[in-house]
């Protein structure tokens, strides 16, 4: 698709998404002399915090400069889901020059429903920068109270390397930290030109001597293997098998699901930890220790 064709397609896409919005949801009056469904262009521009003329030109398919940050504001104003957001960026920015801005934690009922369906099997989702995006109750009970984390602490790698609680929780902290770092290195190399990764690695090198020592080694992993042993302050010893899922509905995310192993009666302990006491059939997901 040529640049001009992408811009025309982008304009049509933005218009259809703007027209599906409810003006009253944004505090604008509905009815009256409103000649279009959804929001007007000037209303959408106001919500997104961009100039009316600039947005009009963008929707008209004109060849104007766009930045990932401004597109991100438009995506939020249009309430785009993950697939729509990615489609918009594909149309607006040449793939060779595209740098997707980080998507901070947002609530998505579909994603949350997926995580909650595993009941007391811990599960959480991270974005391409390994920031926590969503989690279920079991993950909060086992690993960390994610809802209280802010700033850099919302990043899995940062939290693992800088918080003493993780060293106390993980029986083999160094092994798990090295494994996590190798996985993070593999994913970050896909975005080697992203300034965020350079800034992040520099700051974490200053905050963690282990990260500073291991990061230059360029260890690489592409998948979780083995099992994770925990020493939980309430439940005691836990043994979990991590697996990574790549949901098609959320292409920018990875879901990490932790399946209880038979060792240490982990399934029963997780069930007792669950605040709501829900049973999700996770016992059926236990792995044969001979296969782990």
C-alpha atoms as a PDB file:
ATOM      1  CA  UNK A   1       0.000   0.000   0.000  1.00  0.00           C
ATOM      2  CA  UNK A   2       1.429   3.402  -1.016  1.00  0.00           C
ATOM      3  CA  UNK A   3       1.749   6.276   1.435  1.00  0.00           C
ATOM      4  CA  UNK A   4      -1.158   8.134  -0.189  1.00  0.00           C
ATOM      5  CA  UNK A   5      -3.340   5.043  -0.097  1.00  0.00           C
ATOM      6  CA  UNK A   6      -2.504   4.489   3.563  1.00  0.00           C
ATOM      7  CA  UNK A   7      -3.466   8.081   4.407  1.00  0.00           C
ATOM      8  CA  UNK A   8      -6.819   7.780   2.596  1.00  0.00           C
ATOM      9  CA  UNK A   9      -7.491   4.505   4.362  1.00  0.00           C
ATOM     10  CA  UNK A  10      -6.482   6.117   7.654  1.00  0.00           C
ATOM     11  CA  UNK A  11      -8.942   8.972   7.113  1.00  0.00           C
ATOM     12  CA  UNK A  12     -11.789   6.565   6.461  1.00  0.00           C
ATOM     13  CA  UNK A  13     -10.843   4.504   9.501  1.00  0.00           C
ATOM     14  CA  UNK A  14     -10.741   7.540  11.810  1.00  0.00           C
ATOM     15  CA  UNK A  15     -14.099   8.757  10.529  1.00  0.00           C
ATOM     16  CA  UNK A  16     -15.827   5.435  11.148  1.00  0.00           C
ATOM     17  CA  UNK A  17     -14.451   5.214  14.669  1.00  0.00           C
ATOM     18  CA  UNK A  18     -15.350   8.836  15.446  1.00  0.00           C
ATOM     19  CA  UNK A  19     -18.904   8.301  14.259  1.00  0.00           C
ATOM     20  CA  UNK A  20     -19.512   5.391  16.596  1.00  0.00           C
ATOM     21  CA  UNK A  21     -18.855   7.486  19.731  1.00  0.00           C
ATOM     22  CA  UNK A  22     -21.623   8.799  21.975  1.00  0.00           C
ATOM     23  CA  UNK A  23     -21.343  12.588  22.395  1.00  0.00           C
ATOM     24  CA  UNK A  24     -23.042  12.486  25.787  1.00  0.00           C
ATOM     25  CA  UNK A  25     -20.335  10.154  27.092  1.00  0.00           C
ATOM     26  CA  UNK A  26     -17.862  12.997  26.505  1.00  0.00           C
ATOM     27  CA  UNK A  27     -20.082  15.709  27.909  1.00  0.00           C
ATOM     28  CA  UNK A  28     -21.328  17.031  24.555  1.00  0.00           C
ATOM     29  CA  UNK A  29     -25.065  17.530  23.926  1.00  0.00           C
ATOM     30  CA  UNK A  30     -26.763  15.033  21.635  1.00  0.00           C
ATOM     31  CA  UNK A  31     -29.584  15.711  19.198  1.00  0.00           C
ATOM     32  CA  UNK A  32     -30.489  19.239  18.163  1.00  0.00           C
ATOM     33  CA  UNK A  33     -28.857  20.359  14.943  1.00  0.00           C
ATOM     34  CA  UNK A  34     -26.224  17.646  15.016  1.00  0.00           C
ATOM     35  CA  UNK A  35     -25.884  16.529  11.381  1.00  0.00           C
ATOM     36  CA  UNK A  36     -23.516  13.627  11.955  1.00  0.00           C
ATOM     37  CA  UNK A  37     -23.533  10.562  14.137  1.00  0.00           C
ATOM     38  CA  UNK A  38     -20.947  10.324  16.850  1.00  0.00           C
ATOM     39  CA  UNK A  39     -18.573  13.156  17.648  1.00  0.00           C
ATOM     40  CA  UNK A  40     -17.860  16.081  15.385  1.00  0.00           C
ATOM     41  CA  UNK A  41     -14.276  16.536  14.186  1.00  0.00           C
ATOM     42  CA  UNK A  42     -13.786  19.566  16.410  1.00  0.00           C
ATOM     43  CA  UNK A  43     -15.123  17.627  19.409  1.00  0.00           C
ATOM     44  CA  UNK A  44     -12.793  14.710  18.790  1.00  0.00           C
ATOM     45  CA  UNK A  45      -9.881  17.118  18.408  1.00  0.00           C
ATOM     46  CA  UNK A  46     -10.801  18.728  21.723  1.00  0.00           C
ATOM     47  CA  UNK A  47     -10.942  15.369  23.520  1.00  0.00           C
ATOM     48  CA  UNK A  48      -7.615  14.269  21.995  1.00  0.00           C
ATOM     49  CA  UNK A  49      -5.943  17.615  22.704  1.00  0.00           C
ATOM     50  CA  UNK A  50      -4.950  18.314  19.081  1.00  0.00           C
ATOM     51  CA  UNK A  51      -5.661  21.169  16.702  1.00  0.00           C
ATOM     52  CA  UNK A  52      -8.957  21.085  14.835  1.00  0.00           C
ATOM     53  CA  UNK A  53      -7.362  21.944  11.472  1.00  0.00           C
ATOM     54  CA  UNK A  54      -4.621  19.368  11.951  1.00  0.00           C
ATOM     55  CA  UNK A  55      -7.100  16.608  12.806  1.00  0.00           C
ATOM     56  CA  UNK A  56      -9.333  17.591   9.878  1.00  0.00           C
ATOM     57  CA  UNK A  57      -6.391  17.299   7.496  1.00  0.00           C
ATOM     58  CA  UNK A  58      -5.488  13.921   9.003  1.00  0.00           C
ATOM     59  CA  UNK A  59      -9.007  12.609   8.480  1.00  0.00           C
ATOM     60  CA  UNK A  60      -9.024  14.030   4.938  1.00  0.00           C
ATOM     61  CA  UNK A  61      -5.989  11.898   4.128  1.00  0.00           C
ATOM     62  CA  UNK A  62      -3.558  14.771   3.653  1.00  0.00           C
ATOM     63  CA  UNK A  63       0.186  14.196   3.818  1.00  0.00           C
ATOM     64  CA  UNK A  64       0.986  15.812   7.188  1.00  0.00           C
ATOM     65  CA  UNK A  65       3.481  14.965   9.908  1.00  0.00           C
ATOM     66  CA  UNK A  66       2.214  12.693  12.671  1.00  0.00           C
ATOM     67  CA  UNK A  67       3.960  11.549  15.834  1.00  0.00           C
ATOM     68  CA  UNK A  68       3.367   8.367  17.837  1.00  0.00           C
ATOM     69  CA  UNK A  69       2.522  10.447  20.907  1.00  0.00           C
ATOM     70  CA  UNK A  70      -0.247  12.389  19.128  1.00  0.00           C
ATOM     71  CA  UNK A  71      -1.597   9.220  17.545  1.00  0.00           C
ATOM     72  CA  UNK A  72      -1.685   7.661  20.988  1.00  0.00           C
ATOM     73  CA  UNK A  73      -3.857  10.556  22.221  1.00  0.00           C
ATOM     74  CA  UNK A  74      -6.208  10.083  19.271  1.00  0.00           C
ATOM     75  CA  UNK A  75      -6.387   6.342  19.952  1.00  0.00           C
ATOM     76  CA  UNK A  76      -7.453   6.991  23.543  1.00  0.00           C
ATOM     77  CA  UNK A  77     -10.026   9.575  22.478  1.00  0.00           C
ATOM     78  CA  UNK A  78     -11.484   7.125  19.955  1.00  0.00           C
ATOM     79  CA  UNK A  79     -11.467   4.320  22.550  1.00  0.00           C
ATOM     80  CA  UNK A  80      -9.599   2.023  20.163  1.00  0.00           C
ATOM     81  CA  UNK A  81      -8.913  -1.519  21.253  1.00  0.00           C
ATOM     82  CA  UNK A  82      -5.513  -3.148  20.728  1.00  0.00           C
ATOM     83  CA  UNK A  83      -6.221  -4.362  17.211  1.00  0.00           C
ATOM     84  CA  UNK A  84      -7.673  -1.031  16.077  1.00  0.00           C
ATOM     85  CA  UNK A  85      -4.808   0.890  17.636  1.00  0.00           C
ATOM     86  CA  UNK A  86      -2.218  -1.199  15.857  1.00  0.00           C
ATOM     87  CA  UNK A  87      -4.112  -0.813  12.582  1.00  0.00           C
ATOM     88  CA  UNK A  88      -4.131   2.973  12.995  1.00  0.00           C
ATOM     89  CA  UNK A  89      -0.371   3.081  13.564  1.00  0.00           C
ATOM     90  CA  UNK A  90       0.220   0.830  10.562  1.00  0.00           C
ATOM     91  CA  UNK A  91      -1.711   3.256   8.374  1.00  0.00           C
ATOM     92  CA  UNK A  92      -0.334   6.480   9.850  1.00  0.00           C
ATOM     93  CA  UNK A  93       3.389   5.742  10.072  1.00  0.00           C
ATOM     94  CA  UNK A  94       5.695   4.064   7.600  1.00  0.00           C
ATOM     95  CA  UNK A  95       6.637   0.688   9.127  1.00  0.00           C
ATOM     96  CA  UNK A  96      10.327   1.438   8.620  1.00  0.00           C
ATOM     97  CA  UNK A  97      10.057   4.551  10.772  1.00  0.00           C
ATOM     98  CA  UNK A  98       7.393   3.426  13.236  1.00  0.00           C
ATOM     99  CA  UNK A  99       8.037   3.456  16.955  1.00  0.00           C
ATOM    100  CA  UNK A 100       4.975   2.539  18.968  1.00  0.00           C
ATOM    101  CA  UNK A 101       4.659   4.501  22.192  1.00  0.00           C
ATOM    102  CA  UNK A 102       4.270   2.522  25.344  1.00  0.00           C
ATOM    103  CA  UNK A 103       0.721   1.625  26.251  1.00  0.00           C
ATOM    104  CA  UNK A 104       0.309   2.160  29.961  1.00  0.00           C
ATOM    105  CA  UNK A 105      -1.863  -0.127  32.043  1.00  0.00           C
ATOM    106  CA  UNK A 106      -5.453   0.111  30.825  1.00  0.00           C
ATOM    107  CA  UNK A 107      -8.515  -1.870  31.779  1.00  0.00           C
ATOM    108  CA  UNK A 108      -9.938  -4.132  29.101  1.00  0.00           C
ATOM    109  CA  UNK A 109     -12.873  -6.324  30.160  1.00  0.00           C
ATOM    110  CA  UNK A 110     -12.075  -9.012  27.594  1.00  0.00           C
ATOM    111  CA  UNK A 111      -8.450  -9.283  28.708  1.00  0.00           C
ATOM    112  CA  UNK A 112      -9.466  -9.215  32.357  1.00  0.00           C
ATOM    113  CA  UNK A 113     -12.002 -11.935  31.709  1.00  0.00           C
ATOM    114  CA  UNK A 114      -9.306 -14.137  30.190  1.00  0.00           C
ATOM    115  CA  UNK A 115      -7.076 -13.715  33.226  1.00  0.00           C
ATOM    116  CA  UNK A 116      -9.906 -14.179  35.729  1.00  0.00           C
ATOM    117  CA  UNK A 117     -11.027 -17.383  34.012  1.00  0.00           C
ATOM    118  CA  UNK A 118      -7.968 -19.134  35.445  1.00  0.00           C
ATOM    119  CA  UNK A 119      -9.235 -18.495  38.969  1.00  0.00           C
ATOM    120  CA  UNK A 120      -6.468 -19.166  41.449  1.00  0.00           C
ATOM    121  CA  UNK A 121      -3.852 -19.963  38.779  1.00  0.00           C
ATOM    122  CA  UNK A 122      -1.713 -16.788  38.790  1.00  0.00           C
ATOM    123  CA  UNK A 123      -1.765 -14.957  35.465  1.00  0.00           C
ATOM    124  CA  UNK A 124      -0.805 -11.497  34.294  1.00  0.00           C
ATOM    125  CA  UNK A 125      -0.248  -9.647  31.016  1.00  0.00           C
ATOM    126  CA  UNK A 126       2.751  -7.515  30.087  1.00  0.00           C
ATOM    127  CA  UNK A 127       3.331  -5.243  27.110  1.00  0.00           C
ATOM    128  CA  UNK A 128       6.359  -5.263  24.824  1.00  0.00           C
ATOM    129  CA  UNK A 129       8.338  -3.316  27.423  1.00  0.00           C
ATOM    130  CA  UNK A 130       7.368  -5.826  30.127  1.00  0.00           C
ATOM    131  CA  UNK A 131       5.132  -3.379  31.951  1.00  0.00           C
ATOM    132  CA  UNK A 132       2.282  -4.994  33.860  1.00  0.00           C
ATOM    133  CA  UNK A 133      -0.975  -4.284  32.026  1.00  0.00           C
ATOM    134  CA  UNK A 134      -3.469  -6.595  33.758  1.00  0.00           C
ATOM    135  CA  UNK A 135      -3.515  -9.414  36.312  1.00  0.00           C
ATOM    136  CA  UNK A 136      -5.864 -11.675  38.201  1.00  0.00           C
ATOM    137  CA  UNK A 137      -6.385 -11.920  41.960  1.00  0.00           C
ATOM    138  CA  UNK A 138      -4.203 -15.003  42.265  1.00  0.00           C
ATOM    139  CA  UNK A 139      -1.207 -13.187  40.734  1.00  0.00           C
ATOM    140  CA  UNK A 140      -1.652 -10.336  43.206  1.00  0.00           C
ATOM    141  CA  UNK A 141      -1.797 -12.794  46.100  1.00  0.00           C
ATOM    142  CA  UNK A 142       1.253 -14.760  44.983  1.00  0.00           C
ATOM    143  CA  UNK A 143       3.690 -12.292  43.401  1.00  0.00           C
ATOM    144  CA  UNK A 144       2.873  -8.666  44.280  1.00  0.00           C
ATOM    145  CA  UNK A 145       0.015  -6.257  44.875  1.00  0.00           C
ATOM    146  CA  UNK A 146       0.204  -4.867  41.355  1.00  0.00           C
ATOM    147  CA  UNK A 147      -2.565  -2.339  41.903  1.00  0.00           C
ATOM    148  CA  UNK A 148      -0.326  -0.442  44.325  1.00  0.00           C
ATOM    149  CA  UNK A 149       2.709  -0.329  42.044  1.00  0.00           C
ATOM    150  CA  UNK A 150       3.562   2.941  40.323  1.00  0.00           C
ATOM    151  CA  UNK A 151       6.211   4.283  37.954  1.00  0.00           C
ATOM    152  CA  UNK A 152       9.110   1.969  37.169  1.00  0.00           C
ATOM    153  CA  UNK A 153       7.809  -0.564  39.687  1.00  0.00           C
ATOM    154  CA  UNK A 154       5.084  -1.394  37.155  1.00  0.00           C
ATOM    155  CA  UNK A 155       7.799  -3.032  35.076  1.00  0.00           C
ATOM    156  CA  UNK A 156       8.380  -6.739  35.701  1.00  0.00           C
ATOM    157  CA  UNK A 157      12.143  -6.601  35.132  1.00  0.00           C
ATOM    158  CA  UNK A 158      12.623  -3.490  37.250  1.00  0.00           C
ATOM    159  CA  UNK A 159      10.554  -4.904  40.099  1.00  0.00           C
ATOM    160  CA  UNK A 160      12.358  -8.245  40.007  1.00  0.00           C
ATOM    161  CA  UNK A 161      15.813  -6.658  40.213  1.00  0.00           C
ATOM    162  CA  UNK A 162      15.153  -3.852  42.677  1.00  0.00           C
ATOM    163  CA  UNK A 163      12.674  -5.100  45.279  1.00  0.00           C
ATOM    164  CA  UNK A 164      13.921  -7.206  48.218  1.00  0.00           C
ATOM    165  CA  UNK A 165      10.529  -8.919  48.429  1.00  0.00           C
ATOM    166  CA  UNK A 166      11.266 -10.727  45.158  1.00  0.00           C
ATOM    167  CA  UNK A 167      14.549 -12.090  46.499  1.00  0.00           C
ATOM    168  CA  UNK A 168      12.687 -13.441  49.508  1.00  0.00           C
ATOM    169  CA  UNK A 169       9.861 -14.874  47.405  1.00  0.00           C
ATOM    170  CA  UNK A 170      11.926 -16.670  44.747  1.00  0.00           C
ATOM    171  CA  UNK A 171      13.835 -19.646  46.118  1.00  0.00           C
ATOM    172  CA  UNK A 172      16.356 -19.406  43.263  1.00  0.00           C
ATOM    173  CA  UNK A 173      16.328 -15.646  42.703  1.00  0.00           C
ATOM    174  CA  UNK A 174      19.546 -15.456  40.666  1.00  0.00           C
ATOM    175  CA  UNK A 175      18.473 -18.235  38.307  1.00  0.00           C
ATOM    176  CA  UNK A 176      15.068 -16.651  37.775  1.00  0.00           C
ATOM    177  CA  UNK A 177      16.525 -13.161  37.375  1.00  0.00           C
ATOM    178  CA  UNK A 178      19.016 -14.329  34.750  1.00  0.00           C
ATOM    179  CA  UNK A 179      16.272 -16.197  32.905  1.00  0.00           C
ATOM    180  CA  UNK A 180      14.007 -13.151  32.954  1.00  0.00           C
ATOM    181  CA  UNK A 181      16.819 -10.896  31.765  1.00  0.00           C
ATOM    182  CA  UNK A 182      17.578 -13.198  28.831  1.00  0.00           C
ATOM    183  CA  UNK A 183      13.915 -13.148  27.809  1.00  0.00           C
ATOM    184  CA  UNK A 184      13.799  -9.381  28.135  1.00  0.00           C
ATOM    185  CA  UNK A 185      16.997  -9.036  26.082  1.00  0.00           C
ATOM    186  CA  UNK A 186      15.492 -11.138  23.293  1.00  0.00           C
ATOM    187  CA  UNK A 187      12.388  -8.968  23.125  1.00  0.00           C
ATOM    188  CA  UNK A 188      14.248  -5.657  23.456  1.00  0.00           C
ATOM    189  CA  UNK A 189      16.533  -6.485  20.540  1.00  0.00           C
ATOM    190  CA  UNK A 190      13.493  -6.267  18.283  1.00  0.00           C
ATOM    191  CA  UNK A 191      13.291  -2.581  19.214  1.00  0.00           C
ATOM    192  CA  UNK A 192      16.987  -1.761  19.379  1.00  0.00           C
ATOM    193  CA  UNK A 193      16.393   1.781  18.144  1.00  0.00           C
ATOM    194  CA  UNK A 194      13.756   2.538  20.754  1.00  0.00           C
ATOM    195  CA  UNK A 195      15.207   5.186  23.134  1.00  0.00           C
ATOM    196  CA  UNK A 196      13.074   3.780  25.955  1.00  0.00           C
ATOM    197  CA  UNK A 197      15.096   0.558  26.126  1.00  0.00           C
ATOM    198  CA  UNK A 198      18.397   2.413  26.254  1.00  0.00           C
ATOM    199  CA  UNK A 199      17.134   4.693  29.008  1.00  0.00           C
ATOM    200  CA  UNK A 200      15.639   1.796  30.939  1.00  0.00           C
ATOM    201  CA  UNK A 201      18.789  -0.340  30.811  1.00  0.00           C
ATOM    202  CA  UNK A 202      20.910   2.645  31.872  1.00  0.00           C
ATOM    203  CA  UNK A 203      18.694   3.415  34.881  1.00  0.00           C
ATOM    204  CA  UNK A 204      18.433  -0.210  35.953  1.00  0.00           C
ATOM    205  CA  UNK A 205      22.205  -0.615  35.639  1.00  0.00           C
ATOM    206  CA  UNK A 206      22.544   2.172  38.188  1.00  0.00           C
ATOM    207  CA  UNK A 207      19.895   0.669  40.470  1.00  0.00           C
ATOM    208  CA  UNK A 208      20.993  -2.998  40.362  1.00  0.00           C
ATOM    209  CA  UNK A 209      24.582  -4.303  40.444  1.00  0.00           C
ATOM    210  CA  UNK A 210      23.387  -7.693  39.137  1.00  0.00           C
ATOM    211  CA  UNK A 211      21.697  -6.134  36.142  1.00  0.00           C
ATOM    212  CA  UNK A 212      24.793  -4.015  35.515  1.00  0.00           C
ATOM    213  CA  UNK A 213      26.935  -7.180  35.495  1.00  0.00           C
ATOM    214  CA  UNK A 214      24.649  -9.447  33.459  1.00  0.00           C
ATOM    215  CA  UNK A 215      23.175  -7.064  30.867  1.00  0.00           C
ATOM    216  CA  UNK A 216      26.399  -6.775  28.796  1.00  0.00           C
ATOM    217  CA  UNK A 217      26.567 -10.584  28.477  1.00  0.00           C
ATOM    218  CA  UNK A 218      23.734 -10.584  25.903  1.00  0.00           C
ATOM    219  CA  UNK A 219      22.236 -13.845  27.155  1.00  0.00           C
ATOM    220  CA  UNK A 220      19.146 -14.709  25.091  1.00  0.00           C
ATOM    221  CA  UNK A 221      16.111 -16.908  25.716  1.00  0.00           C
ATOM    222  CA  UNK A 222      12.900 -17.102  23.719  1.00  0.00           C
ATOM    223  CA  UNK A 223      10.656 -19.176  25.988  1.00  0.00           C
ATOM    224  CA  UNK A 224       9.982 -19.972  29.639  1.00  0.00           C
ATOM    225  CA  UNK A 225      11.127 -23.454  30.629  1.00  0.00           C
ATOM    226  CA  UNK A 226      11.377 -25.456  33.821  1.00  0.00           C
ATOM    227  CA  UNK A 227       9.505 -24.494  36.945  1.00  0.00           C
ATOM    228  CA  UNK A 228       9.518 -21.715  39.501  1.00  0.00           C
ATOM    229  CA  UNK A 229       9.878 -22.378  43.222  1.00  0.00           C
ATOM    230  CA  UNK A 230       8.471 -19.841  45.644  1.00  0.00           C
ATOM    231  CA  UNK A 231       8.669 -19.354  49.379  1.00  0.00           C
ATOM    232  CA  UNK A 232       5.390 -17.527  49.944  1.00  0.00           C
ATOM    233  CA  UNK A 233       5.077 -15.656  53.264  1.00  0.00           C
ATOM    234  CA  UNK A 234       1.576 -17.076  53.859  1.00  0.00           C
ATOM    235  CA  UNK A 235       1.238 -20.266  51.822  1.00  0.00           C
ATOM    236  CA  UNK A 236       4.788 -21.511  52.238  1.00  0.00           C
ATOM    237  CA  UNK A 237       6.550 -23.468  49.473  1.00  0.00           C
ATOM    238  CA  UNK A 238       4.927 -23.321  46.024  1.00  0.00           C
ATOM    239  CA  UNK A 239       5.977 -24.937  42.745  1.00  0.00           C
ATOM    240  CA  UNK A 240       4.679 -23.441  39.489  1.00  0.00           C
ATOM    241  CA  UNK A 241       5.189 -24.083  35.801  1.00  0.00           C
ATOM    242  CA  UNK A 242       5.202 -20.821  33.761  1.00  0.00           C
ATOM    243  CA  UNK A 243       3.959 -20.689  30.206  1.00  0.00           C
ATOM    244  CA  UNK A 244       3.686 -17.748  27.821  1.00  0.00           C
ATOM    245  CA  UNK A 245       0.571 -17.147  25.738  1.00  0.00           C
ATOM    246  CA  UNK A 246       0.301 -14.763  22.785  1.00  0.00           C
ATOM    247  CA  UNK A 247      -3.386 -13.833  22.451  1.00  0.00           C
ATOM    248  CA  UNK A 248      -4.451 -12.889  18.945  1.00  0.00           C
ATOM    249  CA  UNK A 249      -6.918 -10.376  20.382  1.00  0.00           C
ATOM    250  CA  UNK A 250      -4.054  -8.452  22.007  1.00  0.00           C
ATOM    251  CA  UNK A 251      -1.051  -8.710  19.670  1.00  0.00           C
ATOM    252  CA  UNK A 252       1.064  -6.265  21.698  1.00  0.00           C
ATOM    253  CA  UNK A 253       0.793  -8.360  24.861  1.00  0.00           C
ATOM    254  CA  UNK A 254       2.139 -11.537  26.394  1.00  0.00           C
ATOM    255  CA  UNK A 255       0.172 -13.425  29.030  1.00  0.00           C
ATOM    256  CA  UNK A 256       2.186 -15.333  31.624  1.00  0.00           C
ATOM    257  CA  UNK A 257       0.182 -18.153  33.170  1.00  0.00           C
ATOM    258  CA  UNK A 258       1.526 -20.122  36.132  1.00  0.00           C
ATOM    259  CA  UNK A 259       0.208 -23.679  36.412  1.00  0.00           C
ATOM    260  CA  UNK A 260       0.473 -25.398  39.823  1.00  0.00           C
ATOM    261  CA  UNK A 261       2.651 -28.481  39.938  1.00  0.00           C
ATOM    262  CA  UNK A 262       1.901 -31.451  42.250  1.00  0.00           C
ATOM    263  CA  UNK A 263       4.958 -30.692  44.378  1.00  0.00           C
ATOM    264  CA  UNK A 264       4.329 -28.951  47.710  1.00  0.00           C
ATOM    265  CA  UNK A 265       0.531 -29.390  47.285  1.00  0.00           C
ATOM    266  CA  UNK A 266       0.679 -26.146  45.336  1.00  0.00           C
ATOM    267  CA  UNK A 267      -2.821 -26.326  43.848  1.00  0.00           C
ATOM    268  CA  UNK A 268      -4.480 -26.719  47.241  1.00  0.00           C
ATOM    269  CA  UNK A 269      -2.410 -23.874  48.695  1.00  0.00           C
ATOM    270  CA  UNK A 270      -3.302 -21.563  45.816  1.00  0.00           C
ATOM    271  CA  UNK A 271      -6.964 -22.400  46.245  1.00  0.00           C
ATOM    272  CA  UNK A 272      -6.798 -21.468  49.926  1.00  0.00           C
ATOM    273  CA  UNK A 273      -4.988 -18.210  49.053  1.00  0.00           C
ATOM    274  CA  UNK A 274      -7.686 -17.084  46.590  1.00  0.00           C
ATOM    275  CA  UNK A 275      -9.620 -14.218  48.212  1.00  0.00           C
ATOM    276  CA  UNK A 276     -12.890 -15.271  46.626  1.00  0.00           C
ATOM    277  CA  UNK A 277     -12.339 -18.995  47.062  1.00  0.00           C
ATOM    278  CA  UNK A 278     -13.287 -19.646  43.424  1.00  0.00           C
ATOM    279  CA  UNK A 279     -12.478 -23.024  41.882  1.00  0.00           C
ATOM    280  CA  UNK A 280     -11.718 -22.841  38.165  1.00  0.00           C
ATOM    281  CA  UNK A 281     -10.792 -26.410  37.375  1.00  0.00           C
ATOM    282  CA  UNK A 282      -7.113 -25.607  37.739  1.00  0.00           C
ATOM    283  CA  UNK A 283      -6.511 -28.966  39.389  1.00  0.00           C
ATOM    284  CA  UNK A 284      -7.018 -30.477  35.962  1.00  0.00           C
ATOM    285  CA  UNK A 285      -4.129 -28.345  34.661  1.00  0.00           C
ATOM    286  CA  UNK A 286      -1.538 -29.802  36.996  1.00  0.00           C
ATOM    287  CA  UNK A 287       1.417 -31.192  35.132  1.00  0.00           C
ATOM    288  CA  UNK A 288       2.945 -34.606  35.537  1.00  0.00           C
ATOM    289  CA  UNK A 289       6.238 -33.938  37.382  1.00  0.00           C
ATOM    290  CA  UNK A 290       7.953 -36.402  35.057  1.00  0.00           C
ATOM    291  CA  UNK A 291       7.222 -34.014  32.182  1.00  0.00           C
ATOM    292  CA  UNK A 292       8.314 -30.817  33.915  1.00  0.00           C
END
